[in-house]
Amino acid sequence: MPSSKNASSRYCSPAEIHRIIRESINDFSLFDFNLLHVNASEMSIAHRLAIYIERRLPGWHVDCEYNRDLTIPKTRGSDKRKIRLDINVHCRGSAINLLAIEIKKTKHRKSVIEAERIRVRELSALWTSNLPHYCHSLLLVFPVKKRELAVQGDPEVSCHWFHRRGCGASEGGEPFETAKAIKLKRDKKSRDKKCLKSGG
C-alpha cells in the first residue's frame, strides 16, 4: 500500500514524469483510441489514462475526480471554489501531492481551453485549501474532431506542463511551463477494435 513515507522520498523530476505520461498515453492510444472516435466523455478518458499512470507509479495513489484535502473539500487557492481533479496523483491522508491532471477535448473553444490552462497552472503555483501545491500539474487536450483523427500520420495530444520549483517543500518559486505534444500512435491491432460489438 502507498504510504506518505515511501511517496515523499520518490518525487519525480520533470523528465521522469514526462516519460511516465508519454508511456501512459501510448498505452491509451493502443487500447482505448476508440474513445476519441466516439467522442467519449473526458471522465472516460481520464479513467483509462489513470490506470496506465498507476501502473508506472508504485507507492502513489492515483484517483479520478478527487475532491478532498485530508477530510475537507478541496478548493482553489485563488477563489476558494470547490474543485475535483480529473486525475490526482498523491498520498491519501497527507499533504503530499505529486501530479494534478485536467483533461479537455478539442471540441471546446480556445478560450475555454486557455482558461483551463490558467487554472491548471494555479495547482502548482498556489495552495489548494491549506495544503501544499502540486509538484507538477498538466493540462491534456485530446483530439476528437473527425478532421483531426482523419489526418495522415498520427494525431497529437497537446500537453501544457507546469513544474514547481521546490518539490516536497512547503515553499517554492513560481512554476515553469513547458508545452509539448504527444503523438497518438495508431495501431491496427488495437485491442478496442477487437471487442465484441453486441453492446457499447
C-alpha atoms as a PDB file:
ATOM      1  CA  MET A   1       0.000   0.000   0.000  1.00  0.00           C
ATOM      2  CA  PRO A   2       1.211   3.546  -0.680  1.00  0.00           C
ATOM      3  CA  SER A   3       2.458   5.440   2.337  1.00  0.00           C
ATOM      4  CA  SER A   4       3.485   9.029   2.913  1.00  0.00           C
ATOM      5  CA  LYS A   5       6.985   7.895   3.885  1.00  0.00           C
ATOM      6  CA  ASN A   6       7.505   5.973   0.653  1.00  0.00           C
ATOM      7  CA  ALA A   7       5.877   8.565  -1.579  1.00  0.00           C
ATOM      8  CA  SER A   8       7.622  11.652  -0.248  1.00  0.00           C
ATOM      9  CA  SER A   9      11.029  10.153  -0.975  1.00  0.00           C
ATOM     10  CA  ARG A  10      10.084   9.446  -4.575  1.00  0.00           C
ATOM     11  CA  TYR A  11       9.086  12.767  -6.070  1.00  0.00           C
ATOM     12  CA  CYS A  12       9.588  12.592  -9.828  1.00  0.00           C
ATOM     13  CA  SER A  13      11.703  15.025 -11.809  1.00  0.00           C
ATOM     14  CA  PRO A  14      10.119  16.769 -14.802  1.00  0.00           C
ATOM     15  CA  ALA A  15      11.920  14.360 -17.148  1.00  0.00           C
ATOM     16  CA  GLU A  16      10.635  11.327 -15.220  1.00  0.00           C
ATOM     17  CA  ILE A  17       7.032  12.494 -15.070  1.00  0.00           C
ATOM     18  CA  HIS A  18       7.109  13.407 -18.776  1.00  0.00           C
ATOM     19  CA  ARG A  19       8.236   9.856 -19.593  1.00  0.00           C
ATOM     20  CA  ILE A  20       5.515   8.311 -17.423  1.00  0.00           C
ATOM     21  CA  ILE A  21       2.775  10.362 -19.076  1.00  0.00           C
ATOM     22  CA  ARG A  22       4.144   9.724 -22.567  1.00  0.00           C
ATOM     23  CA  GLU A  23       4.199   5.956 -21.980  1.00  0.00           C
ATOM     24  CA  SER A  24       0.724   6.049 -20.409  1.00  0.00           C
ATOM     25  CA  ILE A  25      -0.684   7.940 -23.402  1.00  0.00           C
ATOM     26  CA  ASN A  26       0.962   5.386 -25.681  1.00  0.00           C
ATOM     27  CA  ASP A  27      -0.950   2.654 -23.834  1.00  0.00           C
ATOM     28  CA  PHE A  28      -4.163   4.660 -24.097  1.00  0.00           C
ATOM     29  CA  SER A  29      -3.566   5.003 -27.826  1.00  0.00           C
ATOM     30  CA  LEU A  30      -3.060   1.264 -28.197  1.00  0.00           C
ATOM     31  CA  PHE A  31      -6.027   0.082 -26.144  1.00  0.00           C
ATOM     32  CA  ASP A  32      -8.537   2.954 -25.993  1.00  0.00           C
ATOM     33  CA  PHE A  33      -8.219   5.016 -29.181  1.00  0.00           C
ATOM     34  CA  ASN A  34     -11.875   4.370 -29.968  1.00  0.00           C
ATOM     35  CA  LEU A  35     -12.915   6.595 -27.054  1.00  0.00           C
ATOM     36  CA  LEU A  36     -11.765   9.541 -29.160  1.00  0.00           C
ATOM     37  CA  HIS A  37     -13.591   8.359 -32.286  1.00  0.00           C
ATOM     38  CA  VAL A  38     -16.887   8.203 -30.398  1.00  0.00           C
ATOM     39  CA  ASN A  39     -16.209  11.483 -28.541  1.00  0.00           C
ATOM     40  CA  ALA A  40     -16.495   9.781 -25.150  1.00  0.00           C
ATOM     41  CA  SER A  41     -16.581  11.930 -22.025  1.00  0.00           C
ATOM     42  CA  GLU A  42     -13.473  13.436 -20.516  1.00  0.00           C
ATOM     43  CA  MET A  43     -14.194  11.349 -17.429  1.00  0.00           C
ATOM     44  CA  SER A  44     -13.943   8.163 -19.528  1.00  0.00           C
ATOM     45  CA  ILE A  45     -10.606   9.281 -20.963  1.00  0.00           C
ATOM     46  CA  ALA A  46      -9.319  10.197 -17.504  1.00  0.00           C
ATOM     47  CA  HIS A  47     -10.291   6.827 -16.042  1.00  0.00           C
ATOM     48  CA  ARG A  48      -8.418   4.839 -18.674  1.00  0.00           C
ATOM     49  CA  LEU A  49      -5.368   7.086 -18.539  1.00  0.00           C
ATOM     50  CA  ALA A  50      -5.259   6.883 -14.738  1.00  0.00           C
ATOM     51  CA  ILE A  51      -4.997   3.094 -14.944  1.00  0.00           C
ATOM     52  CA  TYR A  52      -1.848   3.312 -17.062  1.00  0.00           C
ATOM     53  CA  ILE A  53      -0.324   6.008 -14.862  1.00  0.00           C
ATOM     54  CA  GLU A  54      -0.932   3.984 -11.709  1.00  0.00           C
ATOM     55  CA  ARG A  55       0.980   1.024 -13.136  1.00  0.00           C
ATOM     56  CA  ARG A  56       4.033   3.243 -13.523  1.00  0.00           C
ATOM     57  CA  LEU A  57       3.873   4.948 -10.133  1.00  0.00           C
ATOM     58  CA  PRO A  58       4.007   2.319  -7.396  1.00  0.00           C
ATOM     59  CA  GLY A  59       3.843   3.896  -3.974  1.00  0.00           C
ATOM     60  CA  TRP A  60       1.365   6.597  -5.022  1.00  0.00           C
ATOM     61  CA  HIS A  61      -2.433   6.795  -5.014  1.00  0.00           C
ATOM     62  CA  VAL A  62      -3.935   7.665  -8.404  1.00  0.00           C
ATOM     63  CA  ASP A  63      -7.542   8.860  -8.063  1.00  0.00           C
ATOM     64  CA  CYS A  64     -10.082  10.276 -10.515  1.00  0.00           C
ATOM     65  CA  GLU A  65     -12.484  13.090  -9.668  1.00  0.00           C
ATOM     66  CA  TYR A  66     -10.753  13.539  -6.308  1.00  0.00           C
ATOM     67  CA  ASN A  67     -12.160  16.377  -4.216  1.00  0.00           C
ATOM     68  CA  ARG A  68     -10.623  16.189  -0.735  1.00  0.00           C
ATOM     69  CA  ASP A  69      -7.745  17.787   1.140  1.00  0.00           C
ATOM     70  CA  LEU A  70      -7.433  15.331   4.006  1.00  0.00           C
ATOM     71  CA  THR A  71     -11.045  15.370   5.275  1.00  0.00           C
ATOM     72  CA  ILE A  72     -12.185  18.742   3.923  1.00  0.00           C
ATOM     73  CA  PRO A  73     -13.318  19.722   0.422  1.00  0.00           C
ATOM     74  CA  LYS A  74     -10.514  20.640  -1.981  1.00  0.00           C
ATOM     75  CA  THR A  75     -10.698  24.289  -3.037  1.00  0.00           C
ATOM     76  CA  ARG A  76      -8.750  26.579  -5.336  1.00  0.00           C
ATOM     77  CA  GLY A  77      -6.295  28.945  -3.741  1.00  0.00           C
ATOM     78  CA  SER A  78      -7.463  31.981  -5.705  1.00  0.00           C
ATOM     79  CA  ASP A  79     -11.240  31.973  -5.318  1.00  0.00           C
ATOM     80  CA  LYS A  80     -11.857  29.175  -2.772  1.00  0.00           C
ATOM     81  CA  ARG A  81     -14.159  27.350  -5.181  1.00  0.00           C
ATOM     82  CA  LYS A  82     -14.543  23.624  -4.610  1.00  0.00           C
ATOM     83  CA  ILE A  83     -12.728  21.547  -7.217  1.00  0.00           C
ATOM     84  CA  ARG A  84     -12.472  17.950  -8.379  1.00  0.00           C
ATOM     85  CA  LEU A  85      -9.329  16.928 -10.208  1.00  0.00           C
ATOM     86  CA  ASP A  86      -9.696  14.679 -13.248  1.00  0.00           C
ATOM     87  CA  ILE A  87      -6.606  12.718 -12.153  1.00  0.00           C
ATOM     88  CA  ASN A  88      -4.852  13.218  -8.835  1.00  0.00           C
ATOM     89  CA  VAL A  89      -1.533  11.519  -8.001  1.00  0.00           C
ATOM     90  CA  HIS A  90      -0.916  11.914  -4.298  1.00  0.00           C
ATOM     91  CA  CYS A  91      -0.657  10.147  -0.986  1.00  0.00           C
ATOM     92  CA  ARG A  92      -4.066   9.982   0.677  1.00  0.00           C
ATOM     93  CA  GLY A  93      -4.255  11.273   4.211  1.00  0.00           C
ATOM     94  CA  SER A  94      -1.228  13.522   3.799  1.00  0.00           C
ATOM     95  CA  ALA A  95      -0.195  16.833   2.255  1.00  0.00           C
ATOM     96  CA  ILE A  96       1.972  15.053  -0.331  1.00  0.00           C
ATOM     97  CA  ASN A  97       0.799  15.915  -3.842  1.00  0.00           C
ATOM     98  CA  LEU A  98       2.760  14.803  -6.895  1.00  0.00           C
ATOM     99  CA  LEU A  99       0.668  15.470 -10.009  1.00  0.00           C
ATOM    100  CA  ALA A 100      -2.666  17.037 -10.924  1.00  0.00           C
ATOM    101  CA  ILE A 101      -4.091  16.400 -14.405  1.00  0.00           C
ATOM    102  CA  GLU A 102      -7.029  18.091 -16.083  1.00  0.00           C
ATOM    103  CA  ILE A 103      -8.343  16.799 -19.404  1.00  0.00           C
ATOM    104  CA  LYS A 104     -10.087  18.691 -22.177  1.00  0.00           C
ATOM    105  CA  LYS A 105     -11.129  17.779 -25.707  1.00  0.00           C
ATOM    106  CA  THR A 106     -10.600  19.858 -28.832  1.00  0.00           C
ATOM    107  CA  LYS A 107     -14.362  20.335 -29.180  1.00  0.00           C
ATOM    108  CA  HIS A 108     -14.056  23.180 -26.633  1.00  0.00           C
ATOM    109  CA  ARG A 109     -13.459  26.761 -27.723  1.00  0.00           C
ATOM    110  CA  LYS A 110      -9.896  28.032 -27.476  1.00  0.00           C
ATOM    111  CA  SER A 111     -10.975  30.464 -24.763  1.00  0.00           C
ATOM    112  CA  VAL A 112     -12.255  27.567 -22.618  1.00  0.00           C
ATOM    113  CA  ILE A 113      -9.001  25.646 -23.023  1.00  0.00           C
ATOM    114  CA  GLU A 114      -6.951  28.745 -22.204  1.00  0.00           C
ATOM    115  CA  ALA A 115      -8.995  29.367 -19.049  1.00  0.00           C
ATOM    116  CA  GLU A 116      -8.383  25.760 -18.015  1.00  0.00           C
ATOM    117  CA  ARG A 117      -4.645  26.182 -18.665  1.00  0.00           C
ATOM    118  CA  ILE A 118      -4.571  29.093 -16.228  1.00  0.00           C
ATOM    119  CA  ARG A 119      -6.448  27.072 -13.601  1.00  0.00           C
ATOM    120  CA  VAL A 120      -4.067  24.124 -14.031  1.00  0.00           C
ATOM    121  CA  ARG A 121      -1.086  26.418 -13.554  1.00  0.00           C
ATOM    122  CA  GLU A 122      -2.580  27.551 -10.274  1.00  0.00           C
ATOM    123  CA  LEU A 123      -2.461  23.997  -8.932  1.00  0.00           C
ATOM    124  CA  SER A 124       1.328  24.113  -8.895  1.00  0.00           C
ATOM    125  CA  ALA A 125       1.611  27.838  -8.200  1.00  0.00           C
ATOM    126  CA  LEU A 126      -0.830  28.477  -5.347  1.00  0.00           C
ATOM    127  CA  TRP A 127      -2.149  26.463  -2.466  1.00  0.00           C
ATOM    128  CA  THR A 128      -5.255  24.318  -2.583  1.00  0.00           C
ATOM    129  CA  SER A 129      -7.163  24.788   0.682  1.00  0.00           C
ATOM    130  CA  ASN A 130      -4.445  24.888   3.361  1.00  0.00           C
ATOM    131  CA  LEU A 131      -2.172  22.234   1.868  1.00  0.00           C
ATOM    132  CA  PRO A 132       0.891  22.493  -0.408  1.00  0.00           C
ATOM    133  CA  HIS A 133       0.667  22.897  -4.130  1.00  0.00           C
ATOM    134  CA  TYR A 134       1.330  20.094  -6.582  1.00  0.00           C
ATOM    135  CA  CYS A 135       4.841  19.276  -7.693  1.00  0.00           C
ATOM    136  CA  HIS A 136       3.601  19.023 -11.293  1.00  0.00           C
ATOM    137  CA  SER A 137       0.335  19.979 -12.985  1.00  0.00           C
ATOM    138  CA  LEU A 138      -0.744  19.151 -16.510  1.00  0.00           C
ATOM    139  CA  LEU A 139      -3.462  20.033 -18.987  1.00  0.00           C
ATOM    140  CA  LEU A 140      -4.037  17.409 -21.689  1.00  0.00           C
ATOM    141  CA  VAL A 141      -6.116  18.300 -24.747  1.00  0.00           C
ATOM    142  CA  PHE A 142      -7.237  15.225 -26.695  1.00  0.00           C
ATOM    143  CA  PRO A 143      -8.252  15.393 -30.373  1.00  0.00           C
ATOM    144  CA  VAL A 144     -11.833  14.276 -31.048  1.00  0.00           C
ATOM    145  CA  LYS A 145     -12.839  16.141 -34.209  1.00  0.00           C
ATOM    146  CA  LYS A 146     -13.211  13.950 -37.285  1.00  0.00           C
ATOM    147  CA  ARG A 147     -10.803  16.031 -39.345  1.00  0.00           C
ATOM    148  CA  GLU A 148      -8.163  15.737 -36.609  1.00  0.00           C
ATOM    149  CA  LEU A 149      -8.475  11.973 -36.392  1.00  0.00           C
ATOM    150  CA  ALA A 150      -8.562  11.572 -40.171  1.00  0.00           C
ATOM    151  CA  VAL A 151      -5.239  13.306 -40.859  1.00  0.00           C
ATOM    152  CA  GLN A 152      -2.334  11.415 -42.356  1.00  0.00           C
ATOM    153  CA  GLY A 153       0.081  10.232 -39.698  1.00  0.00           C
ATOM    154  CA  ASP A 154      -0.725  10.279 -36.009  1.00  0.00           C
ATOM    155  CA  PRO A 155      -2.917  12.890 -34.268  1.00  0.00           C
ATOM    156  CA  GLU A 156      -1.466  14.632 -31.234  1.00  0.00           C
ATOM    157  CA  VAL A 157      -2.410  15.251 -27.620  1.00  0.00           C
ATOM    158  CA  SER A 158      -1.436  18.768 -26.547  1.00  0.00           C
ATOM    159  CA  CYS A 159       0.401  18.840 -23.222  1.00  0.00           C
ATOM    160  CA  HIS A 160       0.683  22.000 -21.123  1.00  0.00           C
ATOM    161  CA  TRP A 161       3.036  21.275 -18.223  1.00  0.00           C
ATOM    162  CA  PHE A 162       3.748  23.266 -15.081  1.00  0.00           C
ATOM    163  CA  HIS A 163       6.593  22.206 -12.801  1.00  0.00           C
ATOM    164  CA  ARG A 164       7.013  23.710  -9.376  1.00  0.00           C
ATOM    165  CA  ARG A 165      10.473  24.690  -8.208  1.00  0.00           C
ATOM    166  CA  GLY A 166      10.995  23.042  -4.832  1.00  0.00           C
ATOM    167  CA  CYS A 167       9.013  19.781  -4.930  1.00  0.00           C
ATOM    168  CA  GLY A 168       8.154  18.497  -1.490  1.00  0.00           C
ATOM    169  CA  ALA A 169       8.869  21.814   0.204  1.00  0.00           C
ATOM    170  CA  SER A 170       6.240  23.992   1.805  1.00  0.00           C
ATOM    171  CA  GLU A 171       7.583  26.932  -0.162  1.00  0.00           C
ATOM    172  CA  GLY A 172       8.909  27.237  -3.677  1.00  0.00           C
ATOM    173  CA  GLY A 173       9.254  29.605  -6.581  1.00  0.00           C
ATOM    174  CA  GLU A 174       6.767  30.067  -9.379  1.00  0.00           C
ATOM    175  CA  PRO A 175       6.327  27.025 -11.640  1.00  0.00           C
ATOM    176  CA  PHE A 176       7.949  26.927 -15.044  1.00  0.00           C
ATOM    177  CA  GLU A 177       5.873  25.966 -18.062  1.00  0.00           C
ATOM    178  CA  THR A 178       6.616  23.667 -20.970  1.00  0.00           C
ATOM    179  CA  ALA A 179       4.339  22.758 -23.859  1.00  0.00           C
ATOM    180  CA  LYS A 180       4.854  19.528 -25.736  1.00  0.00           C
ATOM    181  CA  ALA A 181       2.663  17.320 -27.891  1.00  0.00           C
ATOM    182  CA  ILE A 182       2.492  13.527 -27.701  1.00  0.00           C
ATOM    183  CA  LYS A 183       1.548  11.581 -30.787  1.00  0.00           C
ATOM    184  CA  LEU A 184      -1.271   9.069 -30.550  1.00  0.00           C
ATOM    185  CA  LYS A 185       0.217   6.086 -32.308  1.00  0.00           C
ATOM    186  CA  ARG A 186      -2.452   4.285 -34.280  1.00  0.00           C
ATOM    187  CA  ASP A 187      -2.232   0.519 -34.211  1.00  0.00           C
ATOM    188  CA  LYS A 188      -4.275  -1.699 -36.498  1.00  0.00           C
ATOM    189  CA  LYS A 189      -4.202  -4.359 -33.795  1.00  0.00           C
ATOM    190  CA  SER A 190      -5.582  -2.005 -31.185  1.00  0.00           C
ATOM    191  CA  ARG A 191      -7.478  -4.012 -28.609  1.00  0.00           C
ATOM    192  CA  ASP A 192     -10.553  -1.765 -28.614  1.00  0.00           C
ATOM    193  CA  LYS A 193     -11.181  -2.760 -32.233  1.00  0.00           C
ATOM    194  CA  LYS A 194     -11.347  -6.411 -31.237  1.00  0.00           C
ATOM    195  CA  CYS A 195     -14.141  -6.002 -28.698  1.00  0.00           C
ATOM    196  CA  LEU A 196     -17.461  -7.659 -29.464  1.00  0.00           C
ATOM    197  CA  LYS A 197     -19.955  -5.234 -30.972  1.00  0.00           C
ATOM    198  CA  SER A 198     -23.002  -6.706 -29.264  1.00  0.00           C
ATOM    199  CA  GLY A 199     -23.241  -3.702 -26.990  1.00  0.00           C
ATOM    200  CA  GLY A 200     -21.477  -0.429 -26.186  1.00  0.00           C
END
